[in-house]
Amino acid sequence: MSAGSARLPRRTLRAGSRLYRIHRAVNDAWFLSSGSGRFDPVGVAGRGASYWAEGALGAWVETFRTRMLLPERELDERRLSVATLQEDVIVCDLTVRRALAAGVTVALTAGGDYSAAQALADGLQGEYQAVRRRLRHDLRPRIIGIAWFGDVEPDASTRAALPPTDTSEIPEDLVSDACRLFGYEVLPDPPS
């Protein structure tokens, strides 16, 4: 994949754009995965990826995937964070047909084997801030996800350069949309 990385399409995410993420309340919104995620740069020491979406519903699907029955407490333990980009960001765009010229197929962004996507992420370090891709759990497929690269243990200046976030409880309208559109069910917690 690295030989074709020069031909990978670019996209500019404009300042003011918002990214969404659902995460455990005990973790920072910018918590980085380092080894188990599709676009984790596993071959680059100290680097990881933080998984976001271009909409709140994408953040839901990215988090819960095919876990269709969710206990209420699972939602209570999570938060929705919204990051607002303060400046334009150039990303590698795997959502456009031109990506095929670099060898990108649906298998890279939706297949069960993450090794090729992780190798691509390794090659993109220092060239792109993030990868834009379609989320595999949206069968239409229209929901867009962002894998944002960063240091697994950022220092204060690196952390300060990240887009600011606004974090809140998961809104009821998002829960309703996820249940109606995808078939998720939220189960009440048993009485204590």
N, C-alpha and C. Protein backbone atom coordinates (compact mmCIF):
# COMPACT_ATOMS: atom_id res chain seq x y z
N MET A 1 0.82 -1.20 0.00
CA MET A 1 0.00 0.00 0.00
C MET A 1 0.86 1.25 0.00
N SER A 2 2.06 1.22 0.59
CA SER A 2 2.87 2.43 0.69
C SER A 2 3.29 2.96 -0.67
N ALA A 3 3.51 2.10 -1.66
CA ALA A 3 3.90 2.57 -2.98
C ALA A 3 2.82 3.45 -3.60
N GLY A 4 1.57 3.20 -3.25
CA GLY A 4 0.48 3.99 -3.80
C GLY A 4 0.06 5.16 -2.93
N SER A 5 0.72 5.35 -1.77
CA SER A 5 0.26 6.39 -0.85
C SER A 5 0.37 7.78 -1.46
N ALA A 6 1.29 7.98 -2.40
CA ALA A 6 1.40 9.29 -3.04
C ALA A 6 0.17 9.58 -3.88
N ARG A 7 -0.53 8.53 -4.32
CA ARG A 7 -1.72 8.72 -5.14
C ARG A 7 -3.01 8.71 -4.32
N LEU A 8 -2.91 8.56 -3.03
CA LEU A 8 -4.12 8.55 -2.21
C LEU A 8 -4.77 9.93 -2.23
N PRO A 9 -6.08 9.96 -2.38
CA PRO A 9 -6.79 11.25 -2.42
C PRO A 9 -6.71 11.97 -1.08
N ARG A 10 -6.69 13.28 -1.17
CA ARG A 10 -6.69 14.15 0.01
C ARG A 10 -8.02 14.87 0.10
N ARG A 11 -8.34 15.28 1.30
CA ARG A 11 -9.52 16.11 1.52
C ARG A 11 -9.15 17.08 2.63
N THR A 12 -9.70 18.26 2.55
CA THR A 12 -9.50 19.25 3.60
C THR A 12 -10.75 19.30 4.47
N LEU A 13 -10.57 18.99 5.76
CA LEU A 13 -11.63 19.22 6.73
C LEU A 13 -11.48 20.67 7.18
N ARG A 14 -12.47 21.47 6.96
CA ARG A 14 -12.40 22.91 7.19
C ARG A 14 -12.49 23.28 8.67
N ALA A 15 -11.81 24.35 9.02
CA ALA A 15 -11.92 24.90 10.36
C ALA A 15 -13.41 25.12 10.66
N GLY A 16 -13.82 24.78 11.86
CA GLY A 16 -15.22 24.88 12.24
C GLY A 16 -15.97 23.57 12.10
N SER A 17 -15.39 22.61 11.33
CA SER A 17 -16.02 21.29 11.21
C SER A 17 -16.04 20.62 12.58
N ARG A 18 -17.03 19.77 12.76
CA ARG A 18 -17.15 19.06 14.03
C ARG A 18 -16.96 17.57 13.83
N LEU A 19 -16.31 16.95 14.80
CA LEU A 19 -16.13 15.50 14.85
C LEU A 19 -16.75 15.01 16.14
N TYR A 20 -17.29 13.78 16.11
CA TYR A 20 -18.05 13.23 17.24
C TYR A 20 -17.44 11.91 17.69
N ARG A 21 -17.47 11.71 19.00
CA ARG A 21 -16.96 10.45 19.55
C ARG A 21 -17.72 10.09 20.81
N ILE A 22 -18.09 8.82 20.93
CA ILE A 22 -18.64 8.30 22.17
C ILE A 22 -17.52 7.50 22.84
N HIS A 23 -17.30 7.77 24.10
CA HIS A 23 -16.20 7.12 24.83
C HIS A 23 -16.60 6.91 26.28
N ARG A 24 -15.85 6.09 26.95
CA ARG A 24 -16.10 5.87 28.37
C ARG A 24 -15.85 7.18 29.13
N ALA A 25 -16.69 7.47 30.09
CA ALA A 25 -16.59 8.72 30.83
C ALA A 25 -15.25 8.84 31.57
N VAL A 26 -14.65 7.72 31.93
CA VAL A 26 -13.38 7.74 32.66
C VAL A 26 -12.20 8.08 31.74
N ASN A 27 -12.39 8.01 30.42
CA ASN A 27 -11.32 8.32 29.47
C ASN A 27 -11.48 9.72 28.89
N ASP A 28 -10.37 10.30 28.54
CA ASP A 28 -10.37 11.56 27.82
C ASP A 28 -10.93 11.32 26.42
N ALA A 29 -11.55 12.33 25.85
CA ALA A 29 -12.11 12.19 24.50
C ALA A 29 -11.04 11.85 23.48
N TRP A 30 -9.81 12.30 23.68
CA TRP A 30 -8.73 12.07 22.72
C TRP A 30 -7.91 10.83 23.05
N PHE A 31 -8.44 9.94 23.90
CA PHE A 31 -7.75 8.68 24.19
C PHE A 31 -7.41 7.97 22.89
N LEU A 32 -6.16 7.52 22.77
CA LEU A 32 -5.70 6.88 21.54
C LEU A 32 -5.58 5.38 21.68
N SER A 33 -6.04 4.68 20.67
CA SER A 33 -5.88 3.24 20.58
C SER A 33 -4.50 2.96 20.00
N SER A 34 -3.86 1.92 20.47
CA SER A 34 -2.51 1.64 19.97
C SER A 34 -2.31 0.15 19.73
N GLY A 35 -3.05 -0.39 18.80
CA GLY A 35 -2.81 -1.79 18.46
C GLY A 35 -4.03 -2.57 18.06
N SER A 36 -5.20 -2.23 18.55
CA SER A 36 -6.36 -3.05 18.25
C SER A 36 -7.31 -2.43 17.23
N GLY A 37 -7.12 -1.16 16.88
CA GLY A 37 -8.02 -0.50 15.95
C GLY A 37 -7.58 -0.67 14.50
N ARG A 38 -8.53 -0.54 13.60
CA ARG A 38 -8.28 -0.75 12.17
C ARG A 38 -7.13 0.12 11.65
N PHE A 39 -7.11 1.40 11.99
CA PHE A 39 -6.08 2.30 11.47
C PHE A 39 -5.05 2.69 12.53
N ASP A 40 -4.83 1.84 13.51
CA ASP A 40 -3.76 2.09 14.47
C ASP A 40 -2.42 1.91 13.76
N PRO A 41 -1.52 2.89 13.87
CA PRO A 41 -0.19 2.75 13.27
C PRO A 41 0.70 1.86 14.15
N VAL A 42 0.52 0.56 14.05
CA VAL A 42 1.19 -0.38 14.95
C VAL A 42 2.69 -0.49 14.73
N GLY A 43 3.18 -0.09 13.56
CA GLY A 43 4.61 -0.19 13.28
C GLY A 43 5.38 1.07 13.59
N VAL A 44 4.73 2.05 14.19
CA VAL A 44 5.39 3.31 14.52
C VAL A 44 5.29 3.49 16.03
N ALA A 45 6.42 3.34 16.71
CA ALA A 45 6.44 3.39 18.17
C ALA A 45 5.85 4.69 18.69
N GLY A 46 4.98 4.55 19.70
CA GLY A 46 4.43 5.71 20.39
C GLY A 46 3.26 6.39 19.69
N ARG A 47 2.81 5.85 18.56
CA ARG A 47 1.71 6.47 17.82
C ARG A 47 0.45 5.63 17.96
N GLY A 48 -0.69 6.28 17.85
CA GLY A 48 -1.96 5.59 17.93
C GLY A 48 -3.00 6.34 17.13
N ALA A 49 -4.25 5.93 17.27
CA ALA A 49 -5.35 6.57 16.56
C ALA A 49 -6.52 6.76 17.51
N SER A 50 -7.22 7.86 17.31
CA SER A 50 -8.43 8.18 18.05
C SER A 50 -9.56 8.17 17.03
N TYR A 51 -10.62 7.41 17.30
CA TYR A 51 -11.66 7.17 16.30
C TYR A 51 -12.86 8.08 16.52
N TRP A 52 -13.16 8.90 15.51
CA TRP A 52 -14.21 9.89 15.52
C TRP A 52 -15.13 9.65 14.32
N ALA A 53 -16.20 10.42 14.24
CA ALA A 53 -17.11 10.36 13.10
C ALA A 53 -17.54 11.78 12.75
N GLU A 54 -18.04 11.93 11.53
CA GLU A 54 -18.49 13.25 11.09
C GLU A 54 -19.91 13.58 11.56
N GLY A 55 -20.54 12.68 12.29
CA GLY A 55 -21.86 12.90 12.85
C GLY A 55 -22.02 12.07 14.11
N ALA A 56 -22.97 12.47 14.96
CA ALA A 56 -23.19 11.77 16.22
C ALA A 56 -23.63 10.33 16.01
N LEU A 57 -24.44 10.08 14.98
CA LEU A 57 -24.88 8.70 14.71
C LEU A 57 -23.69 7.83 14.31
N GLY A 58 -22.75 8.40 13.60
CA GLY A 58 -21.52 7.67 13.26
C GLY A 58 -20.72 7.31 14.49
N ALA A 59 -20.66 8.23 15.46
CA ALA A 59 -19.96 7.95 16.71
C ALA A 59 -20.63 6.77 17.43
N TRP A 60 -21.96 6.73 17.40
CA TRP A 60 -22.69 5.63 18.03
C TRP A 60 -22.33 4.31 17.37
N VAL A 61 -22.43 4.26 16.04
CA VAL A 61 -22.18 3.01 15.31
C VAL A 61 -20.72 2.59 15.46
N GLU A 62 -19.80 3.54 15.46
CA GLU A 62 -18.38 3.25 15.63
C GLU A 62 -18.11 2.64 17.01
N THR A 63 -18.88 3.05 18.00
CA THR A 63 -18.68 2.57 19.37
C THR A 63 -19.37 1.22 19.61
N PHE A 64 -20.65 1.14 19.28
CA PHE A 64 -21.42 -0.05 19.67
C PHE A 64 -21.46 -1.13 18.60
N ARG A 65 -21.17 -0.78 17.37
CA ARG A 65 -21.06 -1.72 16.25
C ARG A 65 -22.25 -2.67 16.20
N THR A 66 -22.01 -3.97 16.41
CA THR A 66 -23.10 -4.95 16.30
C THR A 66 -23.63 -5.40 17.67
N ARG A 67 -23.29 -4.68 18.72
CA ARG A 67 -23.86 -4.97 20.04
C ARG A 67 -25.24 -4.33 20.07
N MET A 68 -26.23 -5.05 19.65
CA MET A 68 -27.56 -4.48 19.42
C MET A 68 -28.39 -4.32 20.70
N LEU A 69 -28.09 -5.10 21.74
CA LEU A 69 -28.80 -4.99 23.02
C LEU A 69 -27.85 -4.35 24.02
N LEU A 70 -28.19 -3.15 24.45
CA LEU A 70 -27.31 -2.38 25.33
C LEU A 70 -27.98 -2.11 26.66
N PRO A 71 -27.34 -2.51 27.76
CA PRO A 71 -27.91 -2.16 29.06
C PRO A 71 -27.83 -0.65 29.28
N GLU A 72 -28.82 -0.11 29.93
CA GLU A 72 -28.89 1.32 30.20
C GLU A 72 -27.62 1.84 30.87
N ARG A 73 -27.06 1.06 31.78
CA ARG A 73 -25.85 1.50 32.49
C ARG A 73 -24.68 1.68 31.54
N GLU A 74 -24.67 0.92 30.43
CA GLU A 74 -23.61 1.07 29.42
C GLU A 74 -23.63 2.49 28.85
N LEU A 75 -24.80 3.03 28.61
CA LEU A 75 -24.91 4.40 28.11
C LEU A 75 -24.57 5.40 29.20
N ASP A 76 -24.96 5.09 30.44
CA ASP A 76 -24.67 5.99 31.55
C ASP A 76 -23.16 6.13 31.80
N GLU A 77 -22.39 5.10 31.43
CA GLU A 77 -20.95 5.10 31.65
C GLU A 77 -20.18 5.75 30.50
N ARG A 78 -20.88 6.23 29.50
CA ARG A 78 -20.23 6.83 28.33
C ARG A 78 -20.65 8.27 28.15
N ARG A 79 -19.87 8.97 27.35
CA ARG A 79 -20.13 10.37 27.05
C ARG A 79 -20.00 10.59 25.54
N LEU A 80 -20.66 11.63 25.07
CA LEU A 80 -20.51 12.08 23.69
C LEU A 80 -19.63 13.33 23.72
N SER A 81 -18.53 13.28 22.97
CA SER A 81 -17.66 14.46 22.84
C SER A 81 -17.76 14.98 21.42
N VAL A 82 -17.76 16.29 21.30
CA VAL A 82 -17.78 16.97 20.00
C VAL A 82 -16.52 17.83 19.94
N ALA A 83 -15.66 17.55 18.96
CA ALA A 83 -14.44 18.33 18.76
C ALA A 83 -14.69 19.30 17.61
N THR A 84 -14.32 20.54 17.79
CA THR A 84 -14.46 21.55 16.75
C THR A 84 -13.07 21.91 16.23
N LEU A 85 -12.86 21.67 14.93
CA LEU A 85 -11.56 21.96 14.34
C LEU A 85 -11.29 23.47 14.35
N GLN A 86 -10.13 23.85 14.82
CA GLN A 86 -9.76 25.25 14.90
C GLN A 86 -9.05 25.74 13.64
N GLU A 87 -8.58 24.79 12.84
CA GLU A 87 -7.91 25.12 11.58
C GLU A 87 -8.19 24.02 10.57
N ASP A 88 -7.93 24.31 9.30
CA ASP A 88 -8.10 23.29 8.27
C ASP A 88 -7.16 22.12 8.54
N VAL A 89 -7.63 20.90 8.26
CA VAL A 89 -6.83 19.69 8.44
C VAL A 89 -6.89 18.88 7.15
N ILE A 90 -5.71 18.51 6.63
CA ILE A 90 -5.63 17.67 5.43
C ILE A 90 -5.67 16.21 5.88
N VAL A 91 -6.60 15.45 5.32
CA VAL A 91 -6.73 14.03 5.67
C VAL A 91 -6.63 13.18 4.41
N CYS A 92 -6.26 11.93 4.61
CA CYS A 92 -6.28 10.94 3.53
C CYS A 92 -7.73 10.48 3.38
N ASP A 93 -8.29 10.63 2.19
CA ASP A 93 -9.71 10.36 1.99
C ASP A 93 -9.92 9.04 1.26
N LEU A 94 -10.36 8.03 2.01
CA LEU A 94 -10.62 6.70 1.44
C LEU A 94 -12.09 6.51 1.10
N THR A 95 -12.85 7.60 1.02
CA THR A 95 -14.28 7.50 0.72
C THR A 95 -14.58 7.76 -0.75
N VAL A 96 -13.59 8.07 -1.54
CA VAL A 96 -13.81 8.43 -2.94
C VAL A 96 -13.28 7.34 -3.86
N ARG A 97 -13.86 7.24 -5.03
CA ARG A 97 -13.49 6.19 -5.98
C ARG A 97 -12.04 6.29 -6.43
N ARG A 98 -11.48 7.49 -6.44
CA ARG A 98 -10.09 7.66 -6.87
C ARG A 98 -9.10 6.91 -5.98
N ALA A 99 -9.51 6.50 -4.80
CA ALA A 99 -8.62 5.74 -3.92
C ALA A 99 -8.28 4.38 -4.51
N LEU A 100 -9.10 3.89 -5.42
CA LEU A 100 -8.82 2.60 -6.06
C LEU A 100 -7.48 2.64 -6.80
N ALA A 101 -7.09 3.79 -7.35
CA ALA A 101 -5.82 3.91 -8.07
C ALA A 101 -4.63 3.61 -7.17
N ALA A 102 -4.79 3.75 -5.86
CA ALA A 102 -3.74 3.43 -4.90
C ALA A 102 -3.94 2.04 -4.29
N GLY A 103 -4.89 1.28 -4.83
CA GLY A 103 -5.12 -0.08 -4.35
C GLY A 103 -6.12 -0.21 -3.22
N VAL A 104 -6.83 0.86 -2.89
CA VAL A 104 -7.79 0.81 -1.79
C VAL A 104 -9.09 0.18 -2.27
N THR A 105 -9.55 -0.83 -1.55
CA THR A 105 -10.84 -1.46 -1.81
C THR A 105 -11.64 -1.49 -0.50
N VAL A 106 -12.86 -1.92 -0.59
CA VAL A 106 -13.70 -2.03 0.59
C VAL A 106 -13.09 -2.98 1.63
N ALA A 107 -12.33 -3.96 1.18
CA ALA A 107 -11.70 -4.89 2.12
C ALA A 107 -10.79 -4.14 3.10
N LEU A 108 -10.13 -3.08 2.65
CA LEU A 108 -9.24 -2.32 3.52
C LEU A 108 -10.03 -1.61 4.63
N THR A 109 -11.15 -1.02 4.28
CA THR A 109 -11.91 -0.23 5.24
C THR A 109 -13.01 -1.01 5.95
N ALA A 110 -13.33 -2.21 5.47
CA ALA A 110 -14.44 -2.94 6.07
C ALA A 110 -14.14 -4.42 6.34
N GLY A 111 -13.03 -4.92 5.88
CA GLY A 111 -12.71 -6.34 6.06
C GLY A 111 -12.32 -6.67 7.49
N GLY A 112 -12.27 -7.95 7.79
CA GLY A 112 -11.95 -8.41 9.13
C GLY A 112 -10.46 -8.39 9.46
N ASP A 113 -9.61 -8.36 8.44
CA ASP A 113 -8.16 -8.33 8.65
C ASP A 113 -7.71 -6.88 8.64
N TYR A 114 -7.16 -6.41 9.76
CA TYR A 114 -6.75 -5.02 9.89
C TYR A 114 -5.31 -4.77 9.44
N SER A 115 -4.56 -5.80 9.10
CA SER A 115 -3.12 -5.63 8.86
C SER A 115 -2.81 -4.64 7.73
N ALA A 116 -3.53 -4.67 6.62
CA ALA A 116 -3.26 -3.75 5.51
C ALA A 116 -3.61 -2.31 5.91
N ALA A 117 -4.71 -2.13 6.64
CA ALA A 117 -5.09 -0.77 7.09
C ALA A 117 -4.07 -0.24 8.08
N GLN A 118 -3.58 -1.10 8.97
CA GLN A 118 -2.58 -0.67 9.93
C GLN A 118 -1.26 -0.34 9.22
N ALA A 119 -0.90 -1.12 8.20
CA ALA A 119 0.31 -0.82 7.42
C ALA A 119 0.16 0.52 6.70
N LEU A 120 -1.02 0.78 6.16
CA LEU A 120 -1.28 2.07 5.52
C LEU A 120 -1.14 3.19 6.54
N ALA A 121 -1.71 3.02 7.73
CA ALA A 121 -1.60 4.03 8.79
C ALA A 121 -0.13 4.27 9.14
N ASP A 122 0.67 3.22 9.20
CA ASP A 122 2.11 3.39 9.45
C ASP A 122 2.72 4.31 8.42
N GLY A 123 2.40 4.07 7.14
CA GLY A 123 2.98 4.86 6.06
C GLY A 123 2.48 6.29 5.98
N LEU A 124 1.36 6.57 6.61
CA LEU A 124 0.78 7.91 6.55
C LEU A 124 1.26 8.84 7.67
N GLN A 125 1.98 8.27 8.63
CA GLN A 125 2.46 9.10 9.75
C GLN A 125 3.38 10.19 9.23
N GLY A 126 3.12 11.41 9.66
CA GLY A 126 3.91 12.56 9.22
C GLY A 126 3.44 13.16 7.90
N GLU A 127 2.57 12.44 7.19
CA GLU A 127 2.05 12.94 5.91
C GLU A 127 0.61 13.45 6.06
N TYR A 128 -0.19 12.74 6.83
CA TYR A 128 -1.59 13.11 7.06
C TYR A 128 -1.87 13.10 8.55
N GLN A 129 -2.81 13.95 8.97
CA GLN A 129 -3.23 13.99 10.36
C GLN A 129 -4.26 12.89 10.67
N ALA A 130 -4.96 12.43 9.61
CA ALA A 130 -6.06 11.49 9.84
C ALA A 130 -6.41 10.78 8.54
N VAL A 131 -7.23 9.73 8.69
CA VAL A 131 -7.80 8.99 7.56
C VAL A 131 -9.31 9.14 7.64
N ARG A 132 -9.91 9.44 6.52
CA ARG A 132 -11.38 9.55 6.41
C ARG A 132 -11.86 8.30 5.69
N ARG A 133 -12.86 7.59 6.27
CA ARG A 133 -13.34 6.36 5.66
C ARG A 133 -14.81 6.14 5.98
N ARG A 134 -15.41 5.25 5.20
CA ARG A 134 -16.81 4.89 5.47
C ARG A 134 -16.82 3.85 6.59
N LEU A 135 -17.80 3.95 7.46
CA LEU A 135 -17.90 3.00 8.57
C LEU A 135 -18.60 1.73 8.09
N ARG A 136 -18.01 0.61 8.37
CA ARG A 136 -18.50 -0.65 7.82
C ARG A 136 -19.84 -1.10 8.39
N HIS A 137 -20.25 -0.53 9.51
CA HIS A 137 -21.52 -0.96 10.11
C HIS A 137 -22.73 -0.20 9.56
N ASP A 138 -22.48 0.72 8.64
CA ASP A 138 -23.58 1.41 7.97
C ASP A 138 -23.72 0.77 6.59
N LEU A 139 -24.75 0.00 6.39
CA LEU A 139 -24.90 -0.76 5.15
C LEU A 139 -25.30 0.09 3.95
N ARG A 140 -25.56 1.37 4.14
CA ARG A 140 -25.93 2.22 2.99
C ARG A 140 -24.76 2.51 2.08
N PRO A 141 -23.60 2.70 2.27
CA PRO A 141 -22.77 3.19 3.37
C PRO A 141 -22.51 4.69 3.22
N ARG A 142 -23.02 5.46 4.13
CA ARG A 142 -22.92 6.92 4.05
C ARG A 142 -22.26 7.55 5.27
N ILE A 143 -22.20 6.84 6.36
CA ILE A 143 -21.64 7.41 7.58
C ILE A 143 -20.11 7.39 7.48
N ILE A 144 -19.51 8.53 7.79
CA ILE A 144 -18.07 8.71 7.62
C ILE A 144 -17.38 8.75 8.98
N GLY A 145 -16.29 8.02 9.06
CA GLY A 145 -15.46 8.00 10.26
C GLY A 145 -14.11 8.63 10.00
N ILE A 146 -13.48 9.08 11.07
CA ILE A 146 -12.16 9.69 11.01
C ILE A 146 -11.26 8.98 12.01
N ALA A 147 -10.13 8.48 11.55
CA ALA A 147 -9.10 7.93 12.44
C ALA A 147 -8.02 9.00 12.54
N TRP A 148 -7.93 9.65 13.70
CA TRP A 148 -7.04 10.79 13.93
C TRP A 148 -5.75 10.27 14.57
N PHE A 149 -4.63 10.53 13.95
CA PHE A 149 -3.34 10.04 14.45
C PHE A 149 -2.77 10.95 15.53
N GLY A 150 -2.06 10.34 16.47
CA GLY A 150 -1.40 11.14 17.50
C GLY A 150 -0.49 10.30 18.37
N ASP A 151 0.18 10.99 19.28
CA ASP A 151 1.06 10.31 20.22
C ASP A 151 0.22 9.62 21.29
N VAL A 152 0.59 8.39 21.61
CA VAL A 152 -0.15 7.63 22.62
C VAL A 152 -0.03 8.31 23.98
N GLU A 153 1.14 8.86 24.28
CA GLU A 153 1.34 9.59 25.53
C GLU A 153 1.76 11.02 25.18
N PRO A 154 0.78 11.87 24.81
CA PRO A 154 1.12 13.22 24.37
C PRO A 154 1.64 14.10 25.51
N ASP A 155 2.57 14.98 25.17
CA ASP A 155 3.02 15.96 26.16
C ASP A 155 2.03 17.12 26.18
N ALA A 156 2.25 18.08 27.05
CA ALA A 156 1.30 19.18 27.24
C ALA A 156 1.10 19.99 25.96
N SER A 157 2.17 20.24 25.19
CA SER A 157 2.02 21.04 23.97
C SER A 157 1.27 20.28 22.89
N THR A 158 1.52 18.98 22.78
CA THR A 158 0.79 18.17 21.80
C THR A 158 -0.68 18.11 22.16
N ARG A 159 -0.98 17.94 23.43
CA ARG A 159 -2.37 17.88 23.90
C ARG A 159 -3.06 19.23 23.65
N ALA A 160 -2.36 20.32 23.88
CA ALA A 160 -2.94 21.65 23.69
C ALA A 160 -3.25 21.93 22.23
N ALA A 161 -2.57 21.25 21.30
CA ALA A 161 -2.79 21.47 19.87
C ALA A 161 -4.01 20.72 19.34
N LEU A 162 -4.56 19.80 20.12
CA LEU A 162 -5.74 19.05 19.68
C LEU A 162 -6.96 19.97 19.67
N PRO A 163 -7.89 19.70 18.76
CA PRO A 163 -9.12 20.51 18.75
C PRO A 163 -9.85 20.41 20.10
N PRO A 164 -10.42 21.53 20.56
CA PRO A 164 -11.15 21.50 21.83
C PRO A 164 -12.42 20.66 21.72
N THR A 165 -12.81 20.08 22.83
CA THR A 165 -14.01 19.24 22.83
C THR A 165 -15.04 19.76 23.83
N ASP A 166 -16.28 19.47 23.53
CA ASP A 166 -17.41 19.71 24.42
C ASP A 166 -17.98 18.33 24.71
N THR A 167 -18.02 17.94 25.97
CA THR A 167 -18.44 16.59 26.35
C THR A 167 -19.71 16.65 27.18
N SER A 168 -20.63 15.74 26.86
CA SER A 168 -21.91 15.69 27.58
C SER A 168 -22.41 14.25 27.64
N GLU A 169 -23.49 14.05 28.37
CA GLU A 169 -24.14 12.73 28.36
C GLU A 169 -24.68 12.47 26.96
N ILE A 170 -24.88 11.22 26.63
CA ILE A 170 -25.41 10.87 25.31
C ILE A 170 -26.86 11.35 25.24
N PRO A 171 -27.18 12.20 24.26
CA PRO A 171 -28.54 12.75 24.18
C PRO A 171 -29.59 11.70 23.83
N GLU A 172 -30.77 11.87 24.39
CA GLU A 172 -31.87 10.94 24.14
C GLU A 172 -32.24 10.85 22.66
N ASP A 173 -32.16 11.98 21.93
CA ASP A 173 -32.52 11.93 20.51
C ASP A 173 -31.53 11.08 19.71
N LEU A 174 -30.28 11.04 20.13
CA LEU A 174 -29.31 10.16 19.47
C LEU A 174 -29.64 8.69 19.76
N VAL A 175 -29.99 8.40 20.99
CA VAL A 175 -30.39 7.03 21.36
C VAL A 175 -31.60 6.62 20.52
N SER A 176 -32.59 7.49 20.43
CA SER A 176 -33.80 7.19 19.65
C SER A 176 -33.48 6.96 18.18
N ASP A 177 -32.63 7.80 17.60
CA ASP A 177 -32.25 7.64 16.19
C ASP A 177 -31.53 6.31 15.96
N ALA A 178 -30.60 5.96 16.85
CA ALA A 178 -29.86 4.71 16.70
C ALA A 178 -30.80 3.51 16.79
N CYS A 179 -31.75 3.57 17.70
CA CYS A 179 -32.72 2.47 17.85
C CYS A 179 -33.63 2.38 16.62
N ARG A 180 -34.12 3.50 16.16
CA ARG A 180 -35.06 3.52 15.03
C ARG A 180 -34.36 3.14 13.71
N LEU A 181 -33.20 3.69 13.46
CA LEU A 181 -32.54 3.51 12.16
C LEU A 181 -31.75 2.21 12.04
N PHE A 182 -31.16 1.75 13.16
CA PHE A 182 -30.29 0.58 13.10
C PHE A 182 -30.82 -0.63 13.86
N GLY A 183 -31.83 -0.44 14.72
CA GLY A 183 -32.40 -1.57 15.45
C GLY A 183 -31.76 -1.85 16.79
N TYR A 184 -30.96 -0.90 17.32
CA TYR A 184 -30.41 -1.08 18.66
C TYR A 184 -31.55 -1.07 19.67
N GLU A 185 -31.34 -1.73 20.81
CA GLU A 185 -32.30 -1.69 21.91
C GLU A 185 -31.55 -1.38 23.19
N VAL A 186 -32.12 -0.46 23.97
CA VAL A 186 -31.54 -0.15 25.28
C VAL A 186 -32.41 -0.83 26.32
N LEU A 187 -31.78 -1.70 27.10
CA LEU A 187 -32.49 -2.49 28.10
C LEU A 187 -32.40 -1.82 29.45
N PRO A 188 -33.52 -1.68 30.14
CA PRO A 188 -33.45 -1.07 31.47
C PRO A 188 -32.60 -1.93 32.42
N ASP A 189 -31.88 -1.26 33.30
CA ASP A 189 -31.09 -1.98 34.28
C ASP A 189 -32.03 -2.69 35.25
N PRO A 190 -31.65 -3.88 35.71
CA PRO A 190 -32.51 -4.56 36.69
C PRO A 190 -32.56 -3.77 38.00
N PRO A 191 -33.68 -3.85 38.69
CA PRO A 191 -33.80 -3.13 39.97
C PRO A 191 -32.73 -3.64 40.95
N SER A 192 -32.19 -2.72 41.72
CA SER A 192 -31.15 -3.14 42.70
C SER A 192 -31.71 -3.42 44.05
